[in-house]
Protein backbone atom coordinates (compact mmCIF):
# COMPACT_ATOMS: atom_id res chain seq x y z
CA UNK A 1 -42.52 -144.97 44.28
CA UNK A 2 -39.71 -147.57 44.51
CA UNK A 3 -37.52 -145.05 46.31
CA UNK A 4 -40.24 -144.38 48.93
CA UNK A 5 -40.79 -148.09 49.50
CA UNK A 6 -37.06 -148.67 49.90
CA UNK A 7 -36.79 -145.82 52.42
CA UNK A 8 -39.71 -147.25 54.41
CA UNK A 9 -38.09 -150.70 54.50
CA UNK A 10 -34.75 -149.24 55.61
CA UNK A 11 -36.42 -147.14 58.33
CA UNK A 12 -38.31 -150.19 59.57
CA UNK A 13 -35.13 -152.28 59.69
CA UNK A 14 -33.24 -149.56 61.58
CA UNK A 15 -36.08 -149.29 64.10
CA UNK A 16 -36.25 -153.06 64.51
CA UNK A 17 -32.48 -153.34 64.98
CA UNK A 18 -32.47 -150.46 67.47
CA UNK A 19 -35.10 -152.10 69.65
CA UNK A 20 -33.77 -155.65 69.32
CA UNK A 21 -30.22 -154.54 70.25
CA UNK A 22 -31.43 -152.93 73.47
CA UNK A 23 -31.20 -149.31 72.39
CA UNK A 24 -34.95 -148.70 72.49
CA UNK A 25 -36.97 -147.79 75.54
CA UNK A 26 -37.05 -150.13 78.53
CA UNK A 27 -40.80 -150.51 78.14
CA UNK A 28 -41.46 -152.69 81.18
CA UNK A 29 -39.45 -150.44 83.49
CA UNK A 30 -41.18 -147.28 82.22
CA UNK A 31 -44.61 -148.92 82.56
CA UNK A 32 -43.81 -149.97 86.14
CA UNK A 33 -42.59 -146.48 87.09
CA UNK A 34 -45.70 -144.83 85.67
CA UNK A 35 -48.02 -147.39 87.26
CA UNK A 36 -46.35 -146.68 90.62
CA UNK A 37 -46.94 -142.94 90.16
CA UNK A 38 -50.62 -143.42 89.33
CA UNK A 39 -51.01 -145.74 92.34
CA UNK A 40 -49.39 -143.10 94.57
CA UNK A 41 -51.68 -140.43 93.15
CA UNK A 42 -54.73 -142.54 94.06
CA UNK A 43 -53.41 -143.08 97.59
CA UNK A 44 -52.72 -139.36 98.04
CA UNK A 45 -56.13 -138.35 96.69
CA UNK A 46 -57.93 -140.90 98.84
CA UNK A 47 -56.10 -139.58 101.92
CA UNK A 48 -57.29 -136.07 100.92
CA UNK A 49 -53.68 -135.07 100.36
CA UNK A 50 -54.00 -132.76 97.37
CA UNK A 51 -50.33 -131.70 97.53
CA UNK A 52 -49.26 -135.36 97.34
CA UNK A 53 -51.61 -135.92 94.41
CA UNK A 54 -50.23 -132.85 92.61
CA UNK A 55 -46.59 -133.85 93.21
CA UNK A 56 -46.44 -135.70 89.88
CA UNK A 57 -47.79 -132.83 87.78
CA UNK A 58 -45.18 -130.59 86.17
CA UNK A 59 -44.95 -127.53 88.40
CA UNK A 60 -44.79 -125.07 85.51
CA UNK A 61 -46.96 -122.49 83.79
CA UNK A 62 -46.44 -124.58 80.64
CA UNK A 63 -48.40 -127.52 82.10
CA UNK A 64 -51.88 -127.90 80.55
CA UNK A 65 -55.10 -129.49 81.77
CA UNK A 66 -58.24 -129.88 79.67
CA UNK A 67 -61.66 -131.06 80.75
CA UNK A 68 -64.99 -130.41 79.07
CA UNK A 69 -64.68 -127.02 77.39
CA UNK A 70 -62.12 -125.71 79.90
CA UNK A 71 -58.36 -125.46 79.45
CA UNK A 72 -56.07 -124.51 82.31
CA UNK A 73 -52.47 -123.41 81.98
CA UNK A 74 -50.15 -124.00 84.88
CA UNK A 75 -49.78 -126.15 87.96
CA UNK A 76 -51.13 -123.42 90.25
CA UNK A 77 -54.32 -123.10 88.18
CA UNK A 78 -55.01 -126.84 88.43
CA UNK A 79 -54.37 -126.86 92.18
CA UNK A 80 -56.78 -123.95 92.67
CA UNK A 81 -59.39 -125.69 90.52
CA UNK A 82 -59.13 -128.92 92.52
CA UNK A 83 -59.35 -127.03 95.82
CA UNK A 84 -62.45 -125.19 94.62
CA UNK A 85 -64.19 -128.22 93.13
CA UNK A 86 -63.36 -130.89 95.71
CA UNK A 87 -63.62 -130.32 99.41
CA UNK A 88 -65.37 -131.92 102.36
CA UNK A 89 -68.03 -134.40 101.30
CA UNK A 90 -67.42 -133.64 97.61
CA UNK A 91 -63.91 -135.11 97.90
CA UNK A 92 -64.69 -138.76 97.15
CA UNK A 93 -62.58 -141.86 96.55
CA UNK A 94 -60.61 -142.00 93.31
CA UNK A 95 -59.85 -145.04 91.18
CA UNK A 96 -58.19 -145.54 87.80
CA UNK A 97 -59.11 -148.49 85.56
CA UNK A 98 -58.71 -149.68 81.97
CA UNK A 99 -55.24 -148.15 81.76
CA UNK A 100 -53.10 -148.51 78.67
CA UNK A 101 -49.56 -147.19 79.00
CA UNK A 102 -47.91 -146.31 75.70
CA UNK A 103 -44.13 -145.89 75.93
CA UNK A 104 -42.73 -143.69 73.18
CA UNK A 105 -39.15 -143.52 74.50
CA UNK A 106 -37.26 -143.81 77.77
CA UNK A 107 -38.39 -140.24 78.52
CA UNK A 108 -41.90 -139.94 77.03
CA UNK A 109 -45.06 -141.96 77.60
CA UNK A 110 -48.78 -141.45 77.65
CA UNK A 111 -51.59 -143.21 79.47
CA UNK A 112 -55.15 -143.82 78.36
CA UNK A 113 -57.57 -144.77 81.08
CA UNK A 114 -60.78 -144.31 82.97
CA UNK A 115 -61.20 -142.41 86.25
CA UNK A 116 -63.98 -142.82 88.77
CA UNK A 117 -64.75 -140.68 91.80
CA UNK A 118 -67.19 -142.02 94.38
CA UNK A 119 -68.43 -139.57 96.99
CA UNK A 120 -71.06 -139.90 99.68
CA UNK A 121 -73.97 -138.90 97.43
CA UNK A 122 -72.66 -139.23 93.88
CA UNK A 123 -70.47 -141.00 91.40
CA UNK A 124 -68.55 -139.37 88.55
CA UNK A 125 -66.47 -141.08 85.90
CA UNK A 126 -64.79 -140.37 82.63
CA UNK A 127 -61.80 -140.98 80.41
CA UNK A 128 -58.33 -139.48 80.55
CA UNK A 129 -55.21 -139.13 78.48
CA UNK A 130 -52.11 -138.01 80.33
CA UNK A 131 -48.69 -137.33 78.87
CA UNK A 132 -45.63 -138.04 80.98
CA UNK A 133 -42.15 -136.63 80.46
CA UNK A 134 -39.09 -137.79 82.41
CA UNK A 135 -37.41 -134.73 83.89
CA UNK A 136 -34.40 -134.35 86.20
CA UNK A 137 -36.77 -134.59 89.21
CA UNK A 138 -38.45 -137.72 87.79
CA UNK A 139 -41.55 -138.47 85.73
CA UNK A 140 -44.00 -135.57 85.52
CA UNK A 141 -47.39 -135.18 83.90
CA UNK A 142 -47.05 -132.36 81.37
CA UNK A 143 -50.59 -132.61 79.96
CA UNK A 144 -53.82 -134.07 81.35
CA UNK A 145 -56.99 -134.33 79.30
CA UNK A 146 -59.86 -135.70 81.39
CA UNK A 147 -63.46 -135.91 80.30
């Protein structure tokens, strides 16, 4: 019991020293970069530019998207789903609100938020959790769970 408590105290001190000495993630910079990406996604969507919107998703078969009881694997599958589900008057204007960006490291973060899509005759909204990973080409969404 004493050994476990001592190990927890040491781990906490190491973590605190790491972050206070500047070796931890640059939280504000990561939050700003991710906020900029989400803003650009909204602009692209609202201009009906699906390719621009999809630019920040990881273009890989390992990417996953979940919504309702459906799970998609791969960037191409998500693009096809969006093209099938949203076209013409069904497109709508997208907004993100209530966002909480959680920075885990300089290369990993996730975002909790709410999405809303207003179209001519309807309004849809739900919650999302997206996981970002910094890759050589920049930040990419590697998993999106929207409900």
